[in-house]
Protein backbone atom coordinates (compact mmCIF):
# COMPACT_ATOMS: atom_id res chain seq x y z
CA UNK A 1 -8.84 -42.66 13.70
CA UNK A 2 -11.49 -40.02 14.29
CA UNK A 3 -12.90 -37.99 11.39
CA UNK A 4 -15.81 -35.63 10.91
CA UNK A 5 -18.27 -35.55 8.03
CA UNK A 6 -21.66 -34.02 7.23
CA UNK A 7 -24.61 -35.67 8.97
CA UNK A 8 -27.04 -37.43 6.64
CA UNK A 9 -30.63 -38.52 7.19
CA UNK A 10 -29.58 -42.15 7.59
CA UNK A 11 -27.45 -41.17 10.60
CA UNK A 12 -30.53 -40.20 12.63
CA UNK A 13 -31.34 -43.77 13.71
CA UNK A 14 -27.72 -44.26 14.77
CA UNK A 15 -27.50 -41.09 16.85
CA UNK A 16 -30.84 -41.48 18.64
CA UNK A 17 -29.56 -43.84 21.38
CA UNK A 18 -26.71 -41.41 22.01
CA UNK A 19 -29.12 -38.45 22.10
CA UNK A 20 -31.37 -40.24 24.60
CA UNK A 21 -28.45 -41.40 26.74
CA UNK A 22 -26.89 -37.94 26.97
CA UNK A 23 -29.97 -35.72 27.16
CA UNK A 24 -32.65 -37.90 28.76
CA UNK A 25 -35.98 -36.13 29.07
CA UNK A 26 -34.80 -33.17 26.96
CA UNK A 27 -33.61 -35.37 24.08
CA UNK A 28 -34.69 -34.41 20.60
CA UNK A 29 -36.96 -36.73 18.64
CA UNK A 30 -36.06 -38.20 15.25
CA UNK A 31 -38.59 -35.79 13.72
CA UNK A 32 -36.71 -32.83 15.20
CA UNK A 33 -33.47 -34.03 13.61
CA UNK A 34 -35.26 -34.58 10.29
CA UNK A 35 -36.57 -31.02 10.50
CA UNK A 36 -33.12 -29.64 11.24
CA UNK A 37 -31.50 -31.49 8.34
CA UNK A 38 -34.22 -30.24 5.99
CA UNK A 39 -33.35 -26.58 6.65
CA UNK A 40 -30.92 -24.86 4.31
CA UNK A 41 -29.49 -22.65 7.04
CA UNK A 42 -28.38 -25.55 9.28
CA UNK A 43 -25.08 -27.42 9.34
CA UNK A 44 -24.90 -30.80 11.06
CA UNK A 45 -21.80 -32.98 11.33
CA UNK A 46 -20.94 -36.31 12.90
CA UNK A 47 -17.67 -37.60 14.30
CA UNK A 48 -16.73 -41.17 13.48
CA UNK A 49 -14.12 -43.39 15.06
CA UNK A 50 -13.53 -46.68 13.25
CA UNK A 51 -16.75 -46.02 11.25
CA UNK A 52 -18.77 -45.71 14.49
CA UNK A 53 -20.50 -42.41 15.22
CA UNK A 54 -19.16 -41.11 18.55
CA UNK A 55 -20.54 -37.57 18.38
CA UNK A 56 -22.53 -35.03 16.44
CA UNK A 57 -23.13 -31.30 16.37
CA UNK A 58 -25.39 -28.76 14.70
CA UNK A 59 -25.40 -25.07 13.87
CA UNK A 60 -28.03 -22.56 12.77
CA UNK A 61 -26.61 -19.81 10.54
CA UNK A 62 -28.52 -16.58 10.05
CA UNK A 63 -25.82 -13.99 9.36
CA UNK A 64 -24.45 -12.16 11.18
CA UNK A 65 -25.17 -14.68 13.96
CA UNK A 66 -24.72 -18.43 14.18
CA UNK A 67 -26.15 -20.46 17.03
CA UNK A 68 -24.84 -23.84 18.16
CA UNK A 69 -27.92 -26.07 18.37
CA UNK A 70 -26.27 -29.14 19.87
CA UNK A 71 -22.97 -30.85 20.53
CA UNK A 72 -23.01 -34.42 21.81
CA UNK A 73 -20.15 -36.82 22.44
CA UNK A 74 -20.55 -40.43 23.58
CA UNK A 75 -19.36 -40.95 27.14
CA UNK A 76 -16.74 -43.47 25.99
CA UNK A 77 -15.29 -40.91 23.55
CA UNK A 78 -15.18 -37.89 25.85
CA UNK A 79 -11.88 -36.18 26.66
CA UNK A 80 -10.37 -37.36 23.38
CA UNK A 81 -10.83 -34.18 21.35
CA UNK A 82 -14.11 -35.17 19.70
CA UNK A 83 -16.08 -32.22 21.09
CA UNK A 84 -13.35 -29.79 20.08
CA UNK A 85 -13.22 -31.23 16.54
CA UNK A 86 -17.00 -30.92 16.21
CA UNK A 87 -16.97 -27.36 17.54
CA UNK A 88 -14.20 -26.38 15.14
CA UNK A 89 -16.26 -27.77 12.23
CA UNK A 90 -19.17 -25.58 13.33
CA UNK A 91 -16.94 -22.52 13.66
CA UNK A 92 -15.61 -23.12 10.14
CA UNK A 93 -19.20 -23.38 8.84
CA UNK A 94 -20.09 -20.12 10.62
CA UNK A 95 -17.17 -18.33 8.95
CA UNK A 96 -18.20 -19.70 5.55
CA UNK A 97 -21.72 -18.37 6.16
CA UNK A 98 -20.20 -14.96 6.98
CA UNK A 99 -21.42 -15.00 10.57
CA UNK A 100 -19.50 -12.60 12.79
CA UNK A 101 -20.57 -14.12 16.10
CA UNK A 102 -21.44 -17.57 17.38
CA UNK A 103 -23.76 -18.10 20.34
CA UNK A 104 -24.46 -21.19 22.43
CA UNK A 105 -26.11 -22.30 25.64
CA UNK A 106 -24.38 -24.77 27.93
CA UNK A 107 -25.42 -26.28 31.25
CA UNK A 108 -23.90 -24.13 33.97
CA UNK A 109 -22.73 -27.26 35.83
CA UNK A 110 -20.96 -28.79 32.80
CA UNK A 111 -17.48 -27.59 33.75
CA UNK A 112 -15.66 -29.50 31.00
CA UNK A 113 -17.87 -28.06 28.24
CA UNK A 114 -17.63 -24.54 29.68
CA UNK A 115 -13.83 -24.89 29.78
CA UNK A 116 -13.74 -26.14 26.17
CA UNK A 117 -15.83 -23.20 24.96
CA UNK A 118 -13.73 -20.69 26.90
CA UNK A 119 -10.58 -22.26 25.44
CA UNK A 120 -12.08 -21.81 21.96
CA UNK A 121 -12.67 -18.08 22.54
CA UNK A 122 -16.21 -18.01 23.94
CA UNK A 123 -17.12 -15.57 26.71
CA UNK A 124 -20.09 -15.89 29.07
CA UNK A 125 -22.60 -13.11 28.35
CA UNK A 126 -25.67 -14.22 30.34
CA UNK A 127 -27.17 -16.86 32.61
CA UNK A 128 -30.62 -18.35 31.98
CA UNK A 129 -32.15 -19.57 35.20
CA UNK A 130 -34.03 -22.87 34.87
CA UNK A 131 -33.31 -23.12 31.13
CA UNK A 132 -32.90 -26.91 31.29
CA UNK A 133 -35.46 -27.36 34.05
CA UNK A 134 -35.85 -26.36 37.71
CA UNK A 135 -32.43 -25.65 39.18
CA UNK A 136 -30.69 -26.35 35.85
CA UNK A 137 -29.31 -23.06 34.58
CA UNK A 138 -27.69 -22.37 31.22
CA UNK A 139 -24.79 -20.09 30.49
CA UNK A 140 -25.10 -18.13 27.27
CA UNK A 141 -21.69 -17.82 25.62
CA UNK A 142 -20.55 -15.84 22.58
CA UNK A 143 -17.50 -15.96 20.34
CA UNK A 144 -16.44 -12.98 18.21
CA UNK A 145 -15.21 -12.87 15.53
CA UNK A 146 -16.40 -16.23 14.27
């Protein structure tokens, strides 16, 4: 059974192979995750299935705006509601922080993620050409009210 919980520093070593597998050359380093967890205005959560981490997500909250920093779901756990559960945890955290909008960037060619965000009330507001590298555009999406 899948559940979400706050990410802790000891989870970093466990999520690094997933981070590298999913994001390749743009993967964050362990030091970047340590830095994120050390900030008081960040919320990071993990999703566990049978005590195994199958996804994680992070949010930066500076009211009135929250910004999704990352959402990652293991390939074997995709299309099982893990990404949606993580996103909903972030949206709840944004509401608690009194943020009235939530922003995110998503790869323009990631149709399943774009569909998930649209289903959760996000609208595309801009396109960033080459954001993830040459020929790899990002869509900027916003959800109001958070």
